Amino acid sequence: MQLEARNARPRPKSTLASAIGVKHPKIVQIAQGAMGGSFNTREFFHGRTREVVRAARWSFLAPGYPLPALILSLTELPTGLLAAFLLQYAGLLAERWYFFAEAKHPQNLYYQAIA
């Protein structure tokens, strides 16, 4: 929890203005372009809402850490080991997705609110 609280405080150095190189206090994207998607939206933007990303934070904590330990303590070794491994693996995959989804890429700042 302490690490999470510390990581919530830093503000990204990139802003919407620095992402596109325009120094103006109010920048609004009104169109993505004539042909739709771009490399940036396909490669850097996951397309999920902020609520989904926030909910994902909690989706990896239980299956990644305490539940595998609980399974190991309550079950037989071969069966419990496999179940704990699979559960922890799924939790760690969710943690990796969250790590990259939470990142403040300049492309995400610009493309996050396409009108």
PDB file of N, CA and C in Angstrom:
ATOM      1  N   MET A   1       0.814  -1.192   0.000  1.00  0.00           N
ATOM      2  CA  MET A   1       0.000   0.000   0.000  1.00  0.00           C
ATOM      3  C   MET A   1       0.863   1.264   0.000  1.00  0.00           C
ATOM      4  N   GLN A   2       1.988   1.230   0.695  1.00  0.00           N
ATOM      5  CA  GLN A   2       2.836   2.406   0.781  1.00  0.00           C
ATOM      6  C   GLN A   2       3.428   2.739  -0.589  1.00  0.00           C
ATOM      7  N   LEU A   3       3.861   1.707  -1.325  1.00  0.00           N
ATOM      8  CA  LEU A   3       4.412   1.915  -2.652  1.00  0.00           C
ATOM      9  C   LEU A   3       3.338   2.451  -3.595  1.00  0.00           C
ATOM     10  N   GLU A   4       2.138   1.923  -3.489  1.00  0.00           N
ATOM     11  CA  GLU A   4       1.033   2.377  -4.325  1.00  0.00           C
ATOM     12  C   GLU A   4       0.712   3.847  -4.048  1.00  0.00           C
ATOM     13  N   ALA A   5       0.733   4.248  -2.791  1.00  0.00           N
ATOM     14  CA  ALA A   5       0.465   5.631  -2.430  1.00  0.00           C
ATOM     15  C   ALA A   5       1.555   6.548  -2.980  1.00  0.00           C
ATOM     16  N   ARG A   6       2.785   6.102  -2.920  1.00  0.00           N
ATOM     17  CA  ARG A   6       3.883   6.908  -3.439  1.00  0.00           C
ATOM     18  C   ARG A   6       3.798   7.031  -4.961  1.00  0.00           C
ATOM     19  N   ASN A   7       3.431   5.947  -5.632  1.00  0.00           N
ATOM     20  CA  ASN A   7       3.337   5.974  -7.090  1.00  0.00           C
ATOM     21  C   ASN A   7       2.147   6.784  -7.577  1.00  0.00           C
ATOM     22  N   ALA A   8       1.165   7.033  -6.736  1.00  0.00           N
ATOM     23  CA  ALA A   8       0.001   7.821  -7.131  1.00  0.00           C
ATOM     24  C   ALA A   8       0.304   9.319  -7.116  1.00  0.00           C
ATOM     25  N   ARG A   9       1.315   9.739  -6.382  1.00  0.00           N
ATOM     26  CA  ARG A   9       1.634  11.156  -6.239  1.00  0.00           C
ATOM     27  C   ARG A   9       2.335  11.785  -7.436  1.00  0.00           C
ATOM     28  N   PRO A  10       3.333  11.140  -8.040  1.00  0.00           N
ATOM     29  CA  PRO A  10       4.064  11.813  -9.117  1.00  0.00           C
ATOM     30  C   PRO A  10       3.148  12.161 -10.290  1.00  0.00           C
ATOM     31  N   ARG A  11       3.340  13.316 -10.841  1.00  0.00           N
ATOM     32  CA  ARG A  11       2.573  13.744 -11.997  1.00  0.00           C
ATOM     33  C   ARG A  11       3.442  13.578 -13.241  1.00  0.00           C
ATOM     34  N   PRO A  12       2.856  13.150 -14.338  1.00  0.00           N
ATOM     35  CA  PRO A  12       3.656  12.946 -15.550  1.00  0.00           C
ATOM     36  C   PRO A  12       4.235  14.263 -16.065  1.00  0.00           C
ATOM     37  N   LYS A  13       5.422  14.188 -16.634  1.00  0.00           N
ATOM     38  CA  LYS A  13       6.037  15.378 -17.204  1.00  0.00           C
ATOM     39  C   LYS A  13       5.380  15.732 -18.528  1.00  0.00           C
ATOM     40  N   SER A  14       4.825  14.730 -19.197  1.00  0.00           N
ATOM     41  CA  SER A  14       4.135  14.978 -20.458  1.00  0.00           C
ATOM     42  C   SER A  14       2.744  15.528 -20.196  1.00  0.00           C
ATOM     43  N   THR A  15       2.383  16.479 -20.997  1.00  0.00           N
ATOM     44  CA  THR A  15       1.030  17.036 -20.946  1.00  0.00           C
ATOM     45  C   THR A  15       0.443  16.923 -22.341  1.00  0.00           C
ATOM     46  N   LEU A  16      -0.813  17.260 -22.470  1.00  0.00           N
ATOM     47  CA  LEU A  16      -1.435  17.248 -23.779  1.00  0.00           C
ATOM     48  C   LEU A  16      -0.722  18.229 -24.708  1.00  0.00           C
ATOM     49  N   ALA A  17      -0.339  19.381 -24.172  1.00  0.00           N
ATOM     50  CA  ALA A  17       0.364  20.382 -24.982  1.00  0.00           C
ATOM     51  C   ALA A  17       1.732  19.871 -25.430  1.00  0.00           C
ATOM     52  N   SER A  18       2.471  19.222 -24.535  1.00  0.00           N
ATOM     53  CA  SER A  18       3.793  18.720 -24.921  1.00  0.00           C
ATOM     54  C   SER A  18       3.694  17.493 -25.821  1.00  0.00           C
ATOM     55  N   ALA A  19       2.590  16.758 -25.755  1.00  0.00           N
ATOM     56  CA  ALA A  19       2.424  15.574 -26.598  1.00  0.00           C
ATOM     57  C   ALA A  19       2.342  15.952 -28.069  1.00  0.00           C
ATOM     58  N   ILE A  20       1.753  17.109 -28.352  1.00  0.00           N
ATOM     59  CA  ILE A  20       1.627  17.520 -29.754  1.00  0.00           C
ATOM     60  C   ILE A  20       2.484  18.726 -30.105  1.00  0.00           C
ATOM     61  N   GLY A  21       3.183  19.291 -29.120  1.00  0.00           N
ATOM     62  CA  GLY A  21       4.103  20.393 -29.373  1.00  0.00           C
ATOM     63  C   GLY A  21       3.431  21.746 -29.557  1.00  0.00           C
ATOM     64  N   VAL A  22       2.257  21.928 -28.957  1.00  0.00           N
ATOM     65  CA  VAL A  22       1.535  23.191 -29.067  1.00  0.00           C
ATOM     66  C   VAL A  22       1.427  23.798 -27.672  1.00  0.00           C
ATOM     67  N   LYS A  23       1.814  25.054 -27.547  1.00  0.00           N
ATOM     68  CA  LYS A  23       1.728  25.718 -26.247  1.00  0.00           C
ATOM     69  C   LYS A  23       0.454  26.556 -26.204  1.00  0.00           C
ATOM     70  N   HIS A  24      -0.598  25.930 -25.738  1.00  0.00           N
ATOM     71  CA  HIS A  24      -1.877  26.609 -25.608  1.00  0.00           C
ATOM     72  C   HIS A  24      -2.582  26.015 -24.398  1.00  0.00           C
ATOM     73  N   PRO A  25      -3.247  26.837 -23.567  1.00  0.00           N
ATOM     74  CA  PRO A  25      -3.857  26.301 -22.344  1.00  0.00           C
ATOM     75  C   PRO A  25      -5.057  25.383 -22.593  1.00  0.00           C
ATOM     76  N   LYS A  26      -5.749  25.563 -23.726  1.00  0.00           N
ATOM     77  CA  LYS A  26      -6.937  24.748 -23.984  1.00  0.00           C
ATOM     78  C   LYS A  26      -6.788  24.038 -25.331  1.00  0.00           C
ATOM     79  N   ILE A  27      -6.556  22.731 -25.278  1.00  0.00           N
ATOM     80  CA  ILE A  27      -6.406  21.932 -26.490  1.00  0.00           C
ATOM     81  C   ILE A  27      -7.519  20.909 -26.501  1.00  0.00           C
ATOM     82  N   VAL A  28      -8.251  20.859 -27.605  1.00  0.00           N
ATOM     83  CA  VAL A  28      -9.363  19.928 -27.746  1.00  0.00           C
ATOM     84  C   VAL A  28      -9.219  19.212 -29.081  1.00  0.00           C
ATOM     85  N   GLN A  29      -9.237  17.909 -29.043  1.00  0.00           N
ATOM     86  CA  GLN A  29      -9.193  17.138 -30.278  1.00  0.00           C
ATOM     87  C   GLN A  29     -10.624  16.966 -30.768  1.00  0.00           C
ATOM     88  N   ILE A  30     -10.883  17.377 -32.000  1.00  0.00           N
ATOM     89  CA  ILE A  30     -12.240  17.271 -32.521  1.00  0.00           C
ATOM     90  C   ILE A  30     -12.384  16.154 -33.547  1.00  0.00           C
ATOM     91  N   ALA A  31     -11.280  15.627 -34.037  1.00  0.00           N
ATOM     92  CA  ALA A  31     -11.350  14.519 -34.996  1.00  0.00           C
ATOM     93  C   ALA A  31     -10.058  13.726 -34.926  1.00  0.00           C
ATOM     94  N   GLN A  32     -10.155  12.437 -35.205  1.00  0.00           N
ATOM     95  CA  GLN A  32      -8.963  11.589 -35.198  1.00  0.00           C
ATOM     96  C   GLN A  32      -8.282  11.606 -36.550  1.00  0.00           C
ATOM     97  N   GLY A  33      -8.995  11.873 -37.581  1.00  0.00           N
ATOM     98  CA  GLY A  33      -8.441  11.871 -38.924  1.00  0.00           C
ATOM     99  C   GLY A  33      -9.448  11.286 -39.894  1.00  0.00           C
ATOM    100  N   ALA A  34      -9.179  11.455 -41.155  1.00  0.00           N
ATOM    101  CA  ALA A  34     -10.133  11.038 -42.171  1.00  0.00           C
ATOM    102  C   ALA A  34     -10.270   9.526 -42.284  1.00  0.00           C
ATOM    103  N   MET A  35      -9.238   8.791 -41.989  1.00  0.00           N
ATOM    104  CA  MET A  35      -9.257   7.345 -42.215  1.00  0.00           C
ATOM    105  C   MET A  35      -9.416   6.528 -40.938  1.00  0.00           C
ATOM    106  N   GLY A  36      -9.671   7.154 -39.811  1.00  0.00           N
ATOM    107  CA  GLY A  36      -9.905   6.391 -38.584  1.00  0.00           C
ATOM    108  C   GLY A  36      -8.647   6.150 -37.799  1.00  0.00           C
ATOM    109  N   GLY A  37      -8.373   4.893 -37.453  1.00  0.00           N
ATOM    110  CA  GLY A  37      -7.280   4.525 -36.551  1.00  0.00           C
ATOM    111  C   GLY A  37      -5.905   4.888 -37.067  1.00  0.00           C
ATOM    112  N   SER A  38      -4.964   4.904 -36.178  1.00  0.00           N
ATOM    113  CA  SER A  38      -3.582   5.202 -36.519  1.00  0.00           C
ATOM    114  C   SER A  38      -2.668   4.241 -35.759  1.00  0.00           C
ATOM    115  N   PHE A  39      -1.386   4.284 -36.116  1.00  0.00           N
ATOM    116  CA  PHE A  39      -0.407   3.449 -35.424  1.00  0.00           C
ATOM    117  C   PHE A  39      -0.427   3.729 -33.929  1.00  0.00           C
ATOM    118  N   ASN A  40      -0.499   5.005 -33.563  1.00  0.00           N
ATOM    119  CA  ASN A  40      -0.475   5.374 -32.147  1.00  0.00           C
ATOM    120  C   ASN A  40      -1.643   4.779 -31.375  1.00  0.00           C
ATOM    121  N   THR A  41      -2.838   4.831 -31.949  1.00  0.00           N
ATOM    122  CA  THR A  41      -3.987   4.300 -31.213  1.00  0.00           C
ATOM    123  C   THR A  41      -3.951   2.789 -31.145  1.00  0.00           C
ATOM    124  N   ARG A  42      -3.418   2.139 -32.160  1.00  0.00           N
ATOM    125  CA  ARG A  42      -3.335   0.668 -32.133  1.00  0.00           C
ATOM    126  C   ARG A  42      -2.242   0.175 -31.187  1.00  0.00           C
ATOM    127  N   GLU A  43      -1.111   0.854 -31.154  1.00  0.00           N
ATOM    128  CA  GLU A  43       0.035   0.348 -30.412  1.00  0.00           C
ATOM    129  C   GLU A  43       0.157   0.874 -28.986  1.00  0.00           C
ATOM    130  N   PHE A  44      -0.343   2.062 -28.720  1.00  0.00           N
ATOM    131  CA  PHE A  44      -0.110   2.665 -27.410  1.00  0.00           C
ATOM    132  C   PHE A  44      -1.361   2.873 -26.579  1.00  0.00           C
ATOM    133  N   PHE A  45      -2.522   2.776 -27.180  1.00  0.00           N
ATOM    134  CA  PHE A  45      -3.748   3.080 -26.440  1.00  0.00           C
ATOM    135  C   PHE A  45      -4.615   1.837 -26.355  1.00  0.00           C
ATOM    136  N   HIS A  46      -4.978   1.448 -25.155  1.00  0.00           N
ATOM    137  CA  HIS A  46      -5.728   0.217 -24.920  1.00  0.00           C
ATOM    138  C   HIS A  46      -7.214   0.384 -25.139  1.00  0.00           C
ATOM    139  N   GLY A  47      -7.721   1.594 -25.187  1.00  0.00           N
ATOM    140  CA  GLY A  47      -9.126   1.847 -25.466  1.00  0.00           C
ATOM    141  C   GLY A  47     -10.075   1.634 -24.306  1.00  0.00           C
ATOM    142  N   ARG A  48      -9.568   1.399 -23.125  1.00  0.00           N
ATOM    143  CA  ARG A  48     -10.421   1.188 -21.950  1.00  0.00           C
ATOM    144  C   ARG A  48     -10.634   2.511 -21.223  1.00  0.00           C
ATOM    145  N   THR A  49     -11.748   2.601 -20.512  1.00  0.00           N
ATOM    146  CA  THR A  49     -12.028   3.816 -19.750  1.00  0.00           C
ATOM    147  C   THR A  49     -11.160   3.863 -18.493  1.00  0.00           C
ATOM    148  N   ARG A  50     -11.110   5.032 -17.883  1.00  0.00           N
ATOM    149  CA  ARG A  50     -10.327   5.182 -16.642  1.00  0.00           C
ATOM    150  C   ARG A  50     -10.872   4.288 -15.534  1.00  0.00           C
ATOM    151  N   GLU A  51     -12.184   4.087 -15.523  1.00  0.00           N
ATOM    152  CA  GLU A  51     -12.794   3.239 -14.493  1.00  0.00           C
ATOM    153  C   GLU A  51     -12.321   1.794 -14.629  1.00  0.00           C
ATOM    154  N   VAL A  52     -12.195   1.314 -15.859  1.00  0.00           N
ATOM    155  CA  VAL A  52     -11.721  -0.060 -16.085  1.00  0.00           C
ATOM    156  C   VAL A  52     -10.281  -0.195 -15.613  1.00  0.00           C
ATOM    157  N   VAL A  53      -9.462   0.790 -15.921  1.00  0.00           N
ATOM    158  CA  VAL A  53      -8.057   0.744 -15.503  1.00  0.00           C
ATOM    159  C   VAL A  53      -7.960   0.780 -13.977  1.00  0.00           C
ATOM    160  N   ARG A  54      -8.782   1.617 -13.325  1.00  0.00           N
ATOM    161  CA  ARG A  54      -8.777   1.659 -11.858  1.00  0.00           C
ATOM    162  C   ARG A  54      -9.241   0.335 -11.260  1.00  0.00           C
ATOM    163  N   ALA A  55     -10.274  -0.261 -11.850  1.00  0.00           N
ATOM    164  CA  ALA A  55     -10.772  -1.553 -11.356  1.00  0.00           C
ATOM    165  C   ALA A  55      -9.737  -2.648 -11.558  1.00  0.00           C
ATOM    166  N   ALA A  56      -8.949  -2.557 -12.611  1.00  0.00           N
ATOM    167  CA  ALA A  56      -7.921  -3.570 -12.883  1.00  0.00           C
ATOM    168  C   ALA A  56      -6.849  -3.578 -11.798  1.00  0.00           C
ATOM    169  N   ARG A  57      -6.654  -2.438 -11.154  1.00  0.00           N
ATOM    170  CA  ARG A  57      -5.656  -2.368 -10.077  1.00  0.00           C
ATOM    171  C   ARG A  57      -5.937  -3.416  -9.009  1.00  0.00           C
ATOM    172  N   TRP A  58      -7.211  -3.590  -8.683  1.00  0.00           N
ATOM    173  CA  TRP A  58      -7.574  -4.527  -7.619  1.00  0.00           C
ATOM    174  C   TRP A  58      -7.731  -5.953  -8.137  1.00  0.00           C
ATOM    175  N   SER A  59      -7.819  -6.125  -9.452  1.00  0.00           N
ATOM    176  CA  SER A  59      -8.044  -7.470  -9.990  1.00  0.00           C
ATOM    177  C   SER A  59      -6.808  -8.359  -9.910  1.00  0.00           C
ATOM    178  N   PHE A  60      -5.632  -7.790  -9.767  1.00  0.00           N
ATOM    179  CA  PHE A  60      -4.429  -8.621  -9.714  1.00  0.00           C
ATOM    180  C   PHE A  60      -3.878  -8.801  -8.306  1.00  0.00           C
ATOM    181  N   LEU A  61      -4.323  -7.989  -7.363  1.00  0.00           N
ATOM    182  CA  LEU A  61      -3.745  -8.089  -6.023  1.00  0.00           C
ATOM    183  C   LEU A  61      -4.070  -9.412  -5.331  1.00  0.00           C
ATOM    184  N   ALA A  62      -5.327  -9.798  -5.262  1.00  0.00           N
ATOM    185  CA  ALA A  62      -5.712 -11.047  -4.578  1.00  0.00           C
ATOM    186  C   ALA A  62      -5.210 -12.291  -5.308  1.00  0.00           C
ATOM    187  N   PRO A  63      -5.452 -12.434  -6.629  1.00  0.00           N
ATOM    188  CA  PRO A  63      -4.979 -13.657  -7.280  1.00  0.00           C
ATOM    189  C   PRO A  63      -3.465 -13.705  -7.438  1.00  0.00           C
ATOM    190  N   GLY A  64      -2.811 -12.571  -7.364  1.00  0.00           N
ATOM    191  CA  GLY A  64      -1.366 -12.561  -7.542  1.00  0.00           C
ATOM    192  C   GLY A  64      -0.585 -12.888  -6.285  1.00  0.00           C
ATOM    193  N   TYR A  65      -1.162 -12.624  -5.121  1.00  0.00           N
ATOM    194  CA  TYR A  65      -0.356 -12.759  -3.911  1.00  0.00           C
ATOM    195  C   TYR A  65      -1.004 -13.580  -2.791  1.00  0.00           C
ATOM    196  N   PRO A  66      -2.036 -13.096  -2.090  1.00  0.00           N
ATOM    197  CA  PRO A  66      -2.514 -13.851  -0.917  1.00  0.00           C
ATOM    198  C   PRO A  66      -3.283 -15.129  -1.252  1.00  0.00           C
ATOM    199  N   LEU A  67      -4.045 -15.164  -2.332  1.00  0.00           N
ATOM    200  CA  LEU A  67      -4.814 -16.371  -2.643  1.00  0.00           C
ATOM    201  C   LEU A  67      -3.930 -17.585  -2.959  1.00  0.00           C
ATOM    202  N   PRO A  68      -2.857 -17.461  -3.727  1.00  0.00           N
ATOM    203  CA  PRO A  68      -1.984 -18.627  -3.907  1.00  0.00           C
ATOM    204  C   PRO A  68      -1.398 -19.149  -2.591  1.00  0.00           C
ATOM    205  N   ALA A  69      -1.036 -18.237  -1.690  1.00  0.00           N
ATOM    206  CA  ALA A  69      -0.508 -18.670  -0.391  1.00  0.00           C
ATOM    207  C   ALA A  69      -1.585 -19.396   0.408  1.00  0.00           C
ATOM    208  N   LEU A  70      -2.798 -18.906   0.344  1.00  0.00           N
ATOM    209  CA  LEU A  70      -3.905 -19.556   1.033  1.00  0.00           C
ATOM    210  C   LEU A  70      -4.169 -20.947   0.450  1.00  0.00           C
ATOM    211  N   ILE A  71      -4.156 -21.056  -0.860  1.00  0.00           N
ATOM    212  CA  ILE A  71      -4.361 -22.360  -1.508  1.00  0.00           C
ATOM    213  C   ILE A  71      -3.282 -23.341  -1.095  1.00  0.00           C
ATOM    214  N   LEU A  72      -2.042 -22.900  -1.074  1.00  0.00           N
ATOM    215  CA  LEU A  72      -0.941 -23.790  -0.684  1.00  0.00           C
ATOM    216  C   LEU A  72      -1.075 -24.264   0.759  1.00  0.00           C
ATOM    217  N   SER A  73      -1.589 -23.400   1.608  1.00  0.00           N
ATOM    218  CA  SER A  73      -1.701 -23.784   3.015  1.00  0.00           C
ATOM    219  C   SER A  73      -2.899 -24.690   3.289  1.00  0.00           C
ATOM    220  N   LEU A  74      -3.889 -24.693   2.407  1.00  0.00           N
ATOM    221  CA  LEU A  74      -5.110 -25.457   2.663  1.00  0.00           C
ATOM    222  C   LEU A  74      -5.251 -26.745   1.846  1.00  0.00           C
ATOM    223  N   THR A  75      -4.421 -26.949   0.847  1.00  0.00           N
ATOM    224  CA  THR A  75      -4.605 -28.110  -0.035  1.00  0.00           C
ATOM    225  C   THR A  75      -3.388 -29.020  -0.038  1.00  0.00           C
ATOM    226  N   GLU A  76      -3.576 -30.174  -0.684  1.00  0.00           N
ATOM    227  CA  GLU A  76      -2.467 -31.119  -0.880  1.00  0.00           C
ATOM    228  C   GLU A  76      -1.437 -30.480  -1.811  1.00  0.00           C
ATOM    229  N   LEU A  77      -0.191 -30.888  -1.684  1.00  0.00           N
ATOM    230  CA  LEU A  77       0.886 -30.226  -2.407  1.00  0.00           C
ATOM    231  C   LEU A  77       0.759 -30.287  -3.927  1.00  0.00           C
ATOM    232  N   PRO A  78       0.614 -31.438  -4.582  1.00  0.00           N
ATOM    233  CA  PRO A  78       0.620 -31.385  -6.057  1.00  0.00           C
ATOM    234  C   PRO A  78      -0.563 -30.603  -6.631  1.00  0.00           C
ATOM    235  N   THR A  79      -1.747 -30.840  -6.120  1.00  0.00           N
ATOM    236  CA  THR A  79      -2.931 -30.142  -6.627  1.00  0.00           C
ATOM    237  C   THR A  79      -2.885 -28.665  -6.268  1.00  0.00           C
ATOM    238  N   GLY A  80      -2.570 -28.356  -5.033  1.00  0.00           N
ATOM    239  CA  GLY A  80      -2.516 -26.970  -4.579  1.00  0.00           C
ATOM    240  C   GLY A  80      -1.425 -26.180  -5.278  1.00  0.00           C
ATOM    241  N   LEU A  81      -0.306 -26.842  -5.562  1.00  0.00           N
ATOM    242  CA  LEU A  81       0.796 -26.162  -6.241  1.00  0.00           C
ATOM    243  C   LEU A  81       0.386 -25.741  -7.645  1.00  0.00           C
ATOM    244  N   LEU A  82      -0.276 -26.626  -8.363  1.00  0.00           N
ATOM    245  CA  LEU A  82      -0.724 -26.289  -9.714  1.00  0.00           C
ATOM    246  C   LEU A  82      -1.774 -25.182  -9.679  1.00  0.00           C
ATOM    247  N   ALA A  83      -2.743 -25.276  -8.786  1.00  0.00           N
ATOM    248  CA  ALA A  83      -3.788 -24.257  -8.678  1.00  0.00           C
ATOM    249  C   ALA A  83      -3.192 -22.906  -8.281  1.00  0.00           C
ATOM    250  N   ALA A  84      -2.263 -22.909  -7.337  1.00  0.00           N
ATOM    251  CA  ALA A  84      -1.630 -21.668  -6.894  1.00  0.00           C
ATOM    252  C   ALA A  84      -0.806 -21.054  -8.023  1.00  0.00           C
ATOM    253  N   PHE A  85      -0.110 -21.894  -8.773  1.00  0.00           N
ATOM    254  CA  PHE A  85       0.692 -21.405  -9.894  1.00  0.00           C
ATOM    255  C   PHE A  85      -0.195 -20.741 -10.944  1.00  0.00           C
ATOM    256  N   LEU A  86      -1.281 -21.403 -11.330  1.00  0.00           N
ATOM    257  CA  LEU A  86      -2.171 -20.863 -12.359  1.00  0.00           C
ATOM    258  C   LEU A  86      -2.831 -19.560 -11.903  1.00  0.00           C
ATOM    259  N   LEU A  87      -3.245 -19.518 -10.647  1.00  0.00           N
ATOM    260  CA  LEU A  87      -3.867 -18.311 -10.116  1.00  0.00           C
ATOM    261  C   LEU A  87      -2.871 -17.151 -10.053  1.00  0.00           C
ATOM    262  N   GLN A  88      -1.675 -17.439  -9.596  1.00  0.00           N
ATOM    263  CA  GLN A  88      -0.668 -16.393  -9.515  1.00  0.00           C
ATOM    264  C   GLN A  88      -0.245 -15.933 -10.912  1.00  0.00           C
ATOM    265  N   TYR A  89      -0.148 -16.853 -11.847  1.00  0.00           N
ATOM    266  CA  TYR A  89       0.209 -16.503 -13.220  1.00  0.00           C
ATOM    267  C   TYR A  89      -0.832 -15.539 -13.808  1.00  0.00           C
ATOM    268  N   ALA A  90      -2.103 -15.841 -13.611  1.00  0.00           N
ATOM    269  CA  ALA A  90      -3.173 -14.965 -14.099  1.00  0.00           C
ATOM    270  C   ALA A  90      -3.094 -13.591 -13.413  1.00  0.00           C
ATOM    271  N   GLY A  91      -2.826 -13.569 -12.124  1.00  0.00           N
ATOM    272  CA  GLY A  91      -2.690 -12.304 -11.403  1.00  0.00           C
ATOM    273  C   GLY A  91      -1.521 -11.478 -11.900  1.00  0.00           C
ATOM    274  N   LEU A  92      -0.406 -12.138 -12.208  1.00  0.00           N
ATOM    275  CA  LEU A  92       0.763 -11.413 -12.695  1.00  0.00           C
ATOM    276  C   LEU A  92       0.557 -10.901 -14.122  1.00  0.00           C
ATOM    277  N   LEU A  93      -0.177 -11.646 -14.944  1.00  0.00           N
ATOM    278  CA  LEU A  93      -0.514 -11.142 -16.277  1.00  0.00           C
ATOM    279  C   LEU A  93      -1.393  -9.894 -16.176  1.00  0.00           C
ATOM    280  N   ALA A  94      -2.357  -9.927 -15.262  1.00  0.00           N
ATOM    281  CA  ALA A  94      -3.213  -8.759 -15.043  1.00  0.00           C
ATOM    282  C   ALA A  94      -2.387  -7.582 -14.535  1.00  0.00           C
ATOM    283  N   GLU A  95      -1.389  -7.848 -13.704  1.00  0.00           N
ATOM    284  CA  GLU A  95      -0.535  -6.789 -13.186  1.00  0.00           C
ATOM    285  C   GLU A  95       0.285  -6.154 -14.304  1.00  0.00           C
ATOM    286  N   ARG A  96       0.780  -6.951 -15.235  1.00  0.00           N
ATOM    287  CA  ARG A  96       1.552  -6.417 -16.368  1.00  0.00           C
ATOM    288  C   ARG A  96       0.672  -5.547 -17.252  1.00  0.00           C
ATOM    289  N   TRP A  97      -0.566  -5.997 -17.525  1.00  0.00           N
ATOM    290  CA  TRP A  97      -1.469  -5.204 -18.341  1.00  0.00           C
ATOM    291  C   TRP A  97      -1.735  -3.872 -17.645  1.00  0.00           C
ATOM    292  N   TYR A  98      -1.971  -3.926 -16.353  1.00  0.00           N
ATOM    293  CA  TYR A  98      -2.243  -2.707 -15.589  1.00  0.00           C
ATOM    294  C   TYR A  98      -1.048  -1.755 -15.646  1.00  0.00           C
ATOM    295  N   PHE A  99       0.150  -2.286 -15.538  1.00  0.00           N
ATOM    296  CA  PHE A  99       1.364  -1.464 -15.561  1.00  0.00           C
ATOM    297  C   PHE A  99       1.426  -0.647 -16.846  1.00  0.00           C
ATOM    298  N   PHE A 100       1.170  -1.285 -17.982  1.00  0.00           N
ATOM    299  CA  PHE A 100       1.236  -0.571 -19.249  1.00  0.00           C
ATOM    300  C   PHE A 100      -0.011   0.263 -19.511  1.00  0.00           C
ATOM    301  N   ALA A 101      -1.164  -0.168 -19.017  1.00  0.00           N
ATOM    302  CA  ALA A 101      -2.395   0.599 -19.218  1.00  0.00           C
ATOM    303  C   ALA A 101      -2.376   1.891 -18.422  1.00  0.00           C
ATOM    304  N   GLU A 102      -1.707   1.886 -17.283  1.00  0.00           N
ATOM    305  CA  GLU A 102      -1.650   3.063 -16.432  1.00  0.00           C
ATOM    306  C   GLU A 102      -0.612   4.072 -16.917  1.00  0.00           C
ATOM    307  N   ALA A 103       0.299   3.647 -17.781  1.00  0.00           N
ATOM    308  CA  ALA A 103       1.377   4.516 -18.234  1.00  0.00           C
ATOM    309  C   ALA A 103       0.833   5.771 -18.897  1.00  0.00           C
ATOM    310  N   LYS A 104       1.530   6.849 -18.715  1.00  0.00           N
ATOM    311  CA  LYS A 104       1.109   8.134 -19.265  1.00  0.00           C
ATOM    312  C   LYS A 104       1.894   8.439 -20.550  1.00  0.00           C
ATOM    313  N   HIS A 105       1.693   7.621 -21.579  1.00  0.00           N
ATOM    314  CA  HIS A 105       2.351   7.866 -22.857  1.00  0.00           C
ATOM    315  C   HIS A 105       1.807   9.158 -23.460  1.00  0.00           C
ATOM    316  N   PRO A 106       2.650   9.966 -24.092  1.00  0.00           N
ATOM    317  CA  PRO A 106       2.138  11.178 -24.736  1.00  0.00           C
ATOM    318  C   PRO A 106       1.030  10.873 -25.748  1.00  0.00           C
ATOM    319  N   GLN A 107       1.130   9.725 -26.435  1.00  0.00           N
ATOM    320  CA  GLN A 107       0.094   9.360 -27.391  1.00  0.00           C
ATOM    321  C   GLN A 107      -1.248   9.164 -26.681  1.00  0.00           C
ATOM    322  N   ASN A 108      -1.204   8.553 -25.511  1.00  0.00           N
ATOM    323  CA  ASN A 108      -2.439   8.330 -24.756  1.00  0.00           C
ATOM    324  C   ASN A 108      -3.054   9.652 -24.320  1.00  0.00           C
ATOM    325  N   LEU A 109      -2.231  10.605 -23.941  1.00  0.00           N
ATOM    326  CA  LEU A 109      -2.751  11.901 -23.529  1.00  0.00           C
ATOM    327  C   LEU A 109      -3.513  12.557 -24.671  1.00  0.00           C
ATOM    328  N   TYR A 110      -2.983  12.430 -25.873  1.00  0.00           N
ATOM    329  CA  TYR A 110      -3.615  13.078 -27.015  1.00  0.00           C
ATOM    330  C   TYR A 110      -4.837  12.309 -27.502  1.00  0.00           C
ATOM    331  N   TYR A 111      -4.748  10.983 -27.565  1.00  0.00           N
ATOM    332  CA  TYR A 111      -5.819  10.200 -28.165  1.00  0.00           C
ATOM    333  C   TYR A 111      -6.869   9.707 -27.182  1.00  0.00           C
ATOM    334  N   GLN A 112      -6.736  10.021 -25.894  1.00  0.00           N
ATOM    335  CA  GLN A 112      -7.655   9.448 -24.913  1.00  0.00           C
ATOM    336  C   GLN A 112      -9.067   9.994 -25.024  1.00  0.00           C
ATOM    337  N   ALA A 113      -9.264  11.157 -25.572  1.00  0.00           N
ATOM    338  CA  ALA A 113     -10.605  11.730 -25.657  1.00  0.00           C
ATOM    339  C   ALA A 113     -10.904  12.123 -27.094  1.00  0.00           C
ATOM    340  N   ILE A 114     -11.178  11.131 -27.906  1.00  0.00           N
ATOM    341  CA  ILE A 114     -11.478  11.395 -29.309  1.00  0.00           C
ATOM    342  C   ILE A 114     -12.955  11.736 -29.428  1.00  0.00           C
ATOM    343  N   ALA A 115     -13.241  12.890 -29.963  1.00  0.00           N
ATOM    344  CA  ALA A 115     -14.637  13.340 -30.072  1.00  0.00           C
ATOM    345  C   ALA A 115     -15.372  12.595 -31.174  1.00  0.00           C
TER     346      ALA A 115
END
